[in-house]
Each structure stands twice: as structure tokens, then as C-alpha cells.
């Protein structure tokens, strides 16, 4: 069993860095969209429930409550947009490498950096989407009970949406490590 621990490292080194890069880019966009959809689902169900309990929200305070619903959905959609932006940034990091240098340490490092960046952004945005959805749900329900709480909870929702920005920033910093070997002329 002595060689078993190194077999994983040997297997990971034999996987193309382009595969890791593609999986990282897919995770960045896919999991970010999943987080946005989940947040919109959580917020939307509470918006419907709050409108049933307090019809004044949709009739008398239409602009304000529509603002509440739209802001919650916009915060959730921003999570998906963060994933798309980072996926585009990561896509621009891909460069063609000669076949002789595909498994060079610099190529592997670039592939792992793009992969790690995609994972960081994707899962940070998943958590951000859930956070914004839960806070948006609370905002809708509390606005139905007491309309003076709307702005106070909306400020907290902005703090929750900052989680996605932190993930994007860390992902961009991580992707700066993705440097492919220089092509020989």
C-alpha cells in the first residue's frame, strides 16, 4: 500500500490541464447559475406568500414592494452574472501550448489555477445565492408585517450579496496564477 498514496497524484498529473481548466470554467458558471436560481426560488415563494397575507403590498405599495421583489431577484441574478463574467475571464486565460509542454509543471499549474478559481467562484456564488434568497424571503415576509423594516433588511441583503463579490475577487486573484509555457518560435 505504499505506492497507493502516490497513485492519485500520478493520475492527476496525467489529466490534461485543459480538462481541469474546462471543468473549472463549467463549475464557475454552472454552480453560480444554480445559486441564483435557488435564491430566486426561495425569494419568489415568500413573495407570493406575503402577497396573499398582505394584499396592500401588491396594490397600495406596488412600486415599493415591486422594488423589494425586483431588488431581491436582481441580487440573485447578479450572482449568475458574476459566474458568467468570471467564466469569460477564465476563458481568456486559456492559451495553446505545444504538445511537448502540455504536461510541463507550468501547464499543470495554469490548469489547476483555473480549476481552483472556477470552484471558488462557483461555490461562493452558490452560498451567496442562498444567502440572498433567504434574506430576500425575510425581507418580503417582514415587509408584509411591518413596512418600516424594508430598508433595514435590504441593507443586510446587500451585505449578503457581497459574498459573491468576495468570491469573484478571490477567483480573479487565483486566475492570475494561470500562466502557460511560452511558445518557442
C-alpha atoms as a PDB file:
ATOM      1  CA  UNK A   1       0.000   0.000   0.000  1.00  0.00           C
ATOM      2  CA  UNK A   2       2.998   2.306  -0.028  1.00  0.00           C
ATOM      3  CA  UNK A   3       2.552   3.188  -3.723  1.00  0.00           C
ATOM      4  CA  UNK A   4      -1.230   3.684  -3.381  1.00  0.00           C
ATOM      5  CA  UNK A   5      -0.969   7.197  -1.984  1.00  0.00           C
ATOM      6  CA  UNK A   6       1.125   8.372  -4.898  1.00  0.00           C
ATOM      7  CA  UNK A   7      -1.155   6.770  -7.489  1.00  0.00           C
ATOM      8  CA  UNK A   8      -3.673   9.611  -7.095  1.00  0.00           C
ATOM      9  CA  UNK A   9      -1.007  12.210  -7.631  1.00  0.00           C
ATOM     10  CA  UNK A  10       0.221  10.341 -10.700  1.00  0.00           C
ATOM     11  CA  UNK A  11      -3.332  10.137 -12.048  1.00  0.00           C
ATOM     12  CA  UNK A  12      -3.934  13.853 -11.511  1.00  0.00           C
ATOM     13  CA  UNK A  13      -0.704  14.740 -13.263  1.00  0.00           C
ATOM     14  CA  UNK A  14      -1.748  12.683 -16.303  1.00  0.00           C
ATOM     15  CA  UNK A  15      -5.055  14.531 -16.741  1.00  0.00           C
ATOM     16  CA  UNK A  16      -4.734  17.309 -19.289  1.00  0.00           C
ATOM     17  CA  UNK A  17      -4.544  20.811 -17.799  1.00  0.00           C
ATOM     18  CA  UNK A  18      -7.082  21.851 -20.432  1.00  0.00           C
ATOM     19  CA  UNK A  19      -9.540  19.380 -18.907  1.00  0.00           C
ATOM     20  CA  UNK A  20      -9.073  20.909 -15.474  1.00  0.00           C
ATOM     21  CA  UNK A  21      -9.476  24.372 -16.991  1.00  0.00           C
ATOM     22  CA  UNK A  22     -12.686  23.426 -18.792  1.00  0.00           C
ATOM     23  CA  UNK A  23     -14.152  21.817 -15.680  1.00  0.00           C
ATOM     24  CA  UNK A  24     -13.250  24.894 -13.614  1.00  0.00           C
ATOM     25  CA  UNK A  25     -14.910  27.216 -16.125  1.00  0.00           C
ATOM     26  CA  UNK A  26     -18.007  24.997 -16.213  1.00  0.00           C
ATOM     27  CA  UNK A  27     -18.212  24.913 -12.420  1.00  0.00           C
ATOM     28  CA  UNK A  28     -17.858  28.701 -12.226  1.00  0.00           C
ATOM     29  CA  UNK A  29     -20.813  29.326 -14.496  1.00  0.00           C
ATOM     30  CA  UNK A  30     -22.948  26.278 -13.663  1.00  0.00           C
ATOM     31  CA  UNK A  31     -22.850  26.462  -9.892  1.00  0.00           C
ATOM     32  CA  UNK A  32     -23.269  30.261  -9.969  1.00  0.00           C
ATOM     33  CA  UNK A  33     -26.442  29.901 -12.028  1.00  0.00           C
ATOM     34  CA  UNK A  34     -27.633  27.186  -9.632  1.00  0.00           C
ATOM     35  CA  UNK A  35     -27.124  29.567  -6.697  1.00  0.00           C
ATOM     36  CA  UNK A  36     -29.015  32.329  -8.489  1.00  0.00           C
ATOM     37  CA  UNK A  37     -31.898  30.016  -9.344  1.00  0.00           C
ATOM     38  CA  UNK A  38     -32.098  28.688  -5.812  1.00  0.00           C
ATOM     39  CA  UNK A  39     -32.119  32.204  -4.370  1.00  0.00           C
ATOM     40  CA  UNK A  40     -34.838  33.334  -6.778  1.00  0.00           C
ATOM     41  CA  UNK A  41     -36.889  30.251  -5.866  1.00  0.00           C
ATOM     42  CA  UNK A  42     -36.627  30.966  -2.137  1.00  0.00           C
ATOM     43  CA  UNK A  43     -37.428  34.655  -2.567  1.00  0.00           C
ATOM     44  CA  UNK A  44     -40.242  34.074  -5.056  1.00  0.00           C
ATOM     45  CA  UNK A  45     -42.112  31.629  -2.878  1.00  0.00           C
ATOM     46  CA  UNK A  46     -42.061  34.069   0.022  1.00  0.00           C
ATOM     47  CA  UNK A  47     -43.097  36.951  -2.222  1.00  0.00           C
ATOM     48  CA  UNK A  48     -46.188  35.008  -3.268  1.00  0.00           C
ATOM     49  CA  UNK A  49     -46.992  34.061   0.330  1.00  0.00           C
ATOM     50  CA  UNK A  50     -46.526  37.613   1.561  1.00  0.00           C
ATOM     51  CA  UNK A  51     -48.768  38.974  -1.190  1.00  0.00           C
ATOM     52  CA  UNK A  52     -51.535  36.592  -0.115  1.00  0.00           C
ATOM     53  CA  UNK A  53     -51.267  37.657   3.532  1.00  0.00           C
ATOM     54  CA  UNK A  54     -50.963  41.378   2.835  1.00  0.00           C
ATOM     55  CA  UNK A  55     -52.585  42.375  -0.475  1.00  0.00           C
ATOM     56  CA  UNK A  56     -51.600  46.008   0.193  1.00  0.00           C
ATOM     57  CA  UNK A  57     -48.116  45.048  -0.877  1.00  0.00           C
ATOM     58  CA  UNK A  58     -49.133  44.458  -4.480  1.00  0.00           C
ATOM     59  CA  UNK A  59     -51.833  47.122  -4.726  1.00  0.00           C
ATOM     60  CA  UNK A  60     -51.175  50.087  -2.452  1.00  0.00           C
ATOM     61  CA  UNK A  61     -47.389  49.845  -2.258  1.00  0.00           C
ATOM     62  CA  UNK A  62     -46.855  48.418  -5.710  1.00  0.00           C
ATOM     63  CA  UNK A  63     -43.751  50.424  -6.539  1.00  0.00           C
ATOM     64  CA  UNK A  64     -42.123  49.868  -3.184  1.00  0.00           C
ATOM     65  CA  UNK A  65     -42.888  46.183  -2.983  1.00  0.00           C
ATOM     66  CA  UNK A  66     -42.127  45.619  -6.603  1.00  0.00           C
ATOM     67  CA  UNK A  67     -38.867  47.311  -5.775  1.00  0.00           C
ATOM     68  CA  UNK A  68     -38.419  44.777  -2.976  1.00  0.00           C
ATOM     69  CA  UNK A  69     -39.088  41.831  -5.241  1.00  0.00           C
ATOM     70  CA  UNK A  70     -37.063  43.198  -8.120  1.00  0.00           C
ATOM     71  CA  UNK A  71     -34.090  44.030  -5.907  1.00  0.00           C
ATOM     72  CA  UNK A  72     -34.081  40.533  -4.428  1.00  0.00           C
ATOM     73  CA  UNK A  73     -34.249  38.982  -7.872  1.00  0.00           C
ATOM     74  CA  UNK A  74     -31.602  41.385  -9.203  1.00  0.00           C
ATOM     75  CA  UNK A  75     -29.271  40.433  -6.345  1.00  0.00           C
ATOM     76  CA  UNK A  76     -29.813  36.774  -7.219  1.00  0.00           C
ATOM     77  CA  UNK A  77     -29.339  37.398 -10.925  1.00  0.00           C
ATOM     78  CA  UNK A  78     -26.128  39.268 -10.149  1.00  0.00           C
ATOM     79  CA  UNK A  79     -24.793  36.007  -8.728  1.00  0.00           C
ATOM     80  CA  UNK A  80     -25.297  34.312 -12.095  1.00  0.00           C
ATOM     81  CA  UNK A  81     -23.749  37.289 -13.870  1.00  0.00           C
ATOM     82  CA  UNK A  82     -20.686  37.030 -11.608  1.00  0.00           C
ATOM     83  CA  UNK A  83     -20.259  33.440 -12.756  1.00  0.00           C
ATOM     84  CA  UNK A  84     -20.578  34.410 -16.413  1.00  0.00           C
ATOM     85  CA  UNK A  85     -18.052  37.227 -16.034  1.00  0.00           C
ATOM     86  CA  UNK A  86     -15.512  35.008 -14.317  1.00  0.00           C
ATOM     87  CA  UNK A  87     -16.053  32.253 -16.883  1.00  0.00           C
ATOM     88  CA  UNK A  88     -15.242  34.761 -19.628  1.00  0.00           C
ATOM     89  CA  UNK A  89     -12.148  35.913 -17.749  1.00  0.00           C
ATOM     90  CA  UNK A  90     -11.031  32.319 -17.235  1.00  0.00           C
ATOM     91  CA  UNK A  91     -11.672  31.519 -20.882  1.00  0.00           C
ATOM     92  CA  UNK A  92      -9.315  34.306 -21.910  1.00  0.00           C
ATOM     93  CA  UNK A  93      -6.598  32.709 -19.762  1.00  0.00           C
ATOM     94  CA  UNK A  94      -6.501  29.625 -21.983  1.00  0.00           C
ATOM     95  CA  UNK A  95      -3.592  29.540 -24.408  1.00  0.00           C
ATOM     96  CA  UNK A  96      -2.421  26.913 -26.837  1.00  0.00           C
ATOM     97  CA  UNK A  97       0.631  25.003 -25.723  1.00  0.00           C
ATOM     98  CA  UNK A  98       2.813  22.723 -27.846  1.00  0.00           C
ATOM     99  CA  UNK A  99       2.136  19.037 -27.269  1.00  0.00           C
ATOM    100  CA  UNK A 100       5.595  18.619 -25.754  1.00  0.00           C
ATOM    101  CA  UNK A 101       4.806  21.143 -22.998  1.00  0.00           C
ATOM    102  CA  UNK A 102       1.245  20.053 -22.197  1.00  0.00           C
ATOM    103  CA  UNK A 103       2.301  18.238 -19.028  1.00  0.00           C
ATOM    104  CA  UNK A 104       5.022  20.676 -18.042  1.00  0.00           C
ATOM    105  CA  UNK A 105       4.757  21.908 -14.454  1.00  0.00           C
ATOM    106  CA  UNK A 106       3.842  25.394 -15.664  1.00  0.00           C
ATOM    107  CA  UNK A 107       0.963  23.998 -17.731  1.00  0.00           C
ATOM    108  CA  UNK A 108      -0.296  21.903 -14.842  1.00  0.00           C
ATOM    109  CA  UNK A 109      -0.117  24.908 -12.552  1.00  0.00           C
ATOM    110  CA  UNK A 110      -2.118  27.016 -15.007  1.00  0.00           C
ATOM    111  CA  UNK A 111      -4.776  24.318 -15.367  1.00  0.00           C
ATOM    112  CA  UNK A 112      -5.067  23.858 -11.607  1.00  0.00           C
ATOM    113  CA  UNK A 113      -5.232  27.634 -11.065  1.00  0.00           C
ATOM    114  CA  UNK A 114      -8.143  27.995 -13.495  1.00  0.00           C
ATOM    115  CA  UNK A 115      -9.821  24.945 -11.951  1.00  0.00           C
ATOM    116  CA  UNK A 116      -9.427  26.314  -8.408  1.00  0.00           C
ATOM    117  CA  UNK A 117     -10.646  29.733  -9.494  1.00  0.00           C
ATOM    118  CA  UNK A 118     -13.771  28.192 -11.013  1.00  0.00           C
ATOM    119  CA  UNK A 119     -14.506  26.168  -7.892  1.00  0.00           C
ATOM    120  CA  UNK A 120     -14.027  29.170  -5.614  1.00  0.00           C
ATOM    121  CA  UNK A 121     -16.274  31.426  -7.686  1.00  0.00           C
ATOM    122  CA  UNK A 122     -18.922  28.775  -8.262  1.00  0.00           C
ATOM    123  CA  UNK A 123     -19.366  27.748  -4.656  1.00  0.00           C
ATOM    124  CA  UNK A 124     -19.031  31.285  -3.278  1.00  0.00           C
ATOM    125  CA  UNK A 125     -21.849  32.289  -5.617  1.00  0.00           C
ATOM    126  CA  UNK A 126     -23.904  29.260  -4.614  1.00  0.00           C
ATOM    127  CA  UNK A 127     -23.690  30.319  -0.979  1.00  0.00           C
ATOM    128  CA  UNK A 128     -24.321  33.938  -1.962  1.00  0.00           C
ATOM    129  CA  UNK A 129     -27.458  32.991  -3.899  1.00  0.00           C
ATOM    130  CA  UNK A 130     -28.786  31.031  -0.928  1.00  0.00           C
ATOM    131  CA  UNK A 131     -27.965  33.882   1.438  1.00  0.00           C
ATOM    132  CA  UNK A 132     -29.638  36.497  -0.748  1.00  0.00           C
ATOM    133  CA  UNK A 133     -32.643  34.231  -1.243  1.00  0.00           C
ATOM    134  CA  UNK A 134     -33.128  33.643   2.464  1.00  0.00           C
ATOM    135  CA  UNK A 135     -32.671  37.314   3.324  1.00  0.00           C
ATOM    136  CA  UNK A 136     -34.954  38.295   0.454  1.00  0.00           C
ATOM    137  CA  UNK A 137     -37.561  35.908   1.803  1.00  0.00           C
ATOM    138  CA  UNK A 138     -37.257  37.506   5.224  1.00  0.00           C
ATOM    139  CA  UNK A 139     -37.500  40.942   3.631  1.00  0.00           C
ATOM    140  CA  UNK A 140     -40.740  40.046   1.870  1.00  0.00           C
ATOM    141  CA  UNK A 141     -42.306  38.492   4.951  1.00  0.00           C
ATOM    142  CA  UNK A 142     -41.244  41.290   7.281  1.00  0.00           C
ATOM    143  CA  UNK A 143     -42.473  43.927   4.829  1.00  0.00           C
ATOM    144  CA  UNK A 144     -45.860  42.219   4.883  1.00  0.00           C
ATOM    145  CA  UNK A 145     -45.908  42.508   8.693  1.00  0.00           C
ATOM    146  CA  UNK A 146     -44.274  45.908   9.181  1.00  0.00           C
ATOM    147  CA  UNK A 147     -43.464  48.080   6.193  1.00  0.00           C
ATOM    148  CA  UNK A 148     -40.875  50.134   8.093  1.00  0.00           C
ATOM    149  CA  UNK A 149     -38.471  47.170   8.193  1.00  0.00           C
ATOM    150  CA  UNK A 150     -37.956  47.034   4.423  1.00  0.00           C
ATOM    151  CA  UNK A 151     -34.903  49.317   4.173  1.00  0.00           C
ATOM    152  CA  UNK A 152     -33.245  47.829   7.262  1.00  0.00           C
ATOM    153  CA  UNK A 153     -33.421  44.312   5.896  1.00  0.00           C
ATOM    154  CA  UNK A 154     -32.437  45.426   2.413  1.00  0.00           C
ATOM    155  CA  UNK A 155     -29.154  46.759   3.840  1.00  0.00           C
ATOM    156  CA  UNK A 156     -28.477  43.324   5.325  1.00  0.00           C
ATOM    157  CA  UNK A 157     -29.250  41.789   1.944  1.00  0.00           C
ATOM    158  CA  UNK A 158     -26.585  43.959   0.362  1.00  0.00           C
ATOM    159  CA  UNK A 159     -24.075  42.574   2.862  1.00  0.00           C
ATOM    160  CA  UNK A 160     -25.152  39.064   1.905  1.00  0.00           C
ATOM    161  CA  UNK A 161     -24.651  39.790  -1.772  1.00  0.00           C
ATOM    162  CA  UNK A 162     -21.089  40.878  -1.025  1.00  0.00           C
ATOM    163  CA  UNK A 163     -20.200  37.199  -0.532  1.00  0.00           C
ATOM    164  CA  UNK A 164     -20.425  36.716  -4.279  1.00  0.00           C
ATOM    165  CA  UNK A 165     -18.148  39.680  -4.905  1.00  0.00           C
ATOM    166  CA  UNK A 166     -15.589  38.281  -2.477  1.00  0.00           C
ATOM    167  CA  UNK A 167     -15.643  35.011  -4.407  1.00  0.00           C
ATOM    168  CA  UNK A 168     -15.165  36.854  -7.694  1.00  0.00           C
ATOM    169  CA  UNK A 169     -12.232  38.819  -6.298  1.00  0.00           C
ATOM    170  CA  UNK A 170     -10.533  35.702  -4.917  1.00  0.00           C
ATOM    171  CA  UNK A 171     -11.204  33.878  -8.190  1.00  0.00           C
ATOM    172  CA  UNK A 172      -9.615  36.653 -10.235  1.00  0.00           C
ATOM    173  CA  UNK A 173      -6.591  36.688  -7.938  1.00  0.00           C
ATOM    174  CA  UNK A 174      -6.306  32.905  -8.259  1.00  0.00           C
ATOM    175  CA  UNK A 175      -6.604  33.054 -12.044  1.00  0.00           C
ATOM    176  CA  UNK A 176      -3.659  35.446 -12.175  1.00  0.00           C
ATOM    177  CA  UNK A 177      -1.519  32.393 -11.358  1.00  0.00           C
ATOM    178  CA  UNK A 178      -2.520  30.788 -14.665  1.00  0.00           C
ATOM    179  CA  UNK A 179       0.482  31.338 -16.883  1.00  0.00           C
ATOM    180  CA  UNK A 180       1.084  28.831 -19.648  1.00  0.00           C
ATOM    181  CA  UNK A 181       4.548  27.987 -21.006  1.00  0.00           C
ATOM    182  CA  UNK A 182       5.792  30.378 -23.660  1.00  0.00           C
ATOM    183  CA  UNK A 183       5.647  29.076 -27.212  1.00  0.00           C
ATOM    184  CA  UNK A 184       9.059  28.615 -28.733  1.00  0.00           C
ATOM    185  CA  UNK A 185       9.481  30.488 -32.014  1.00  0.00           C
END
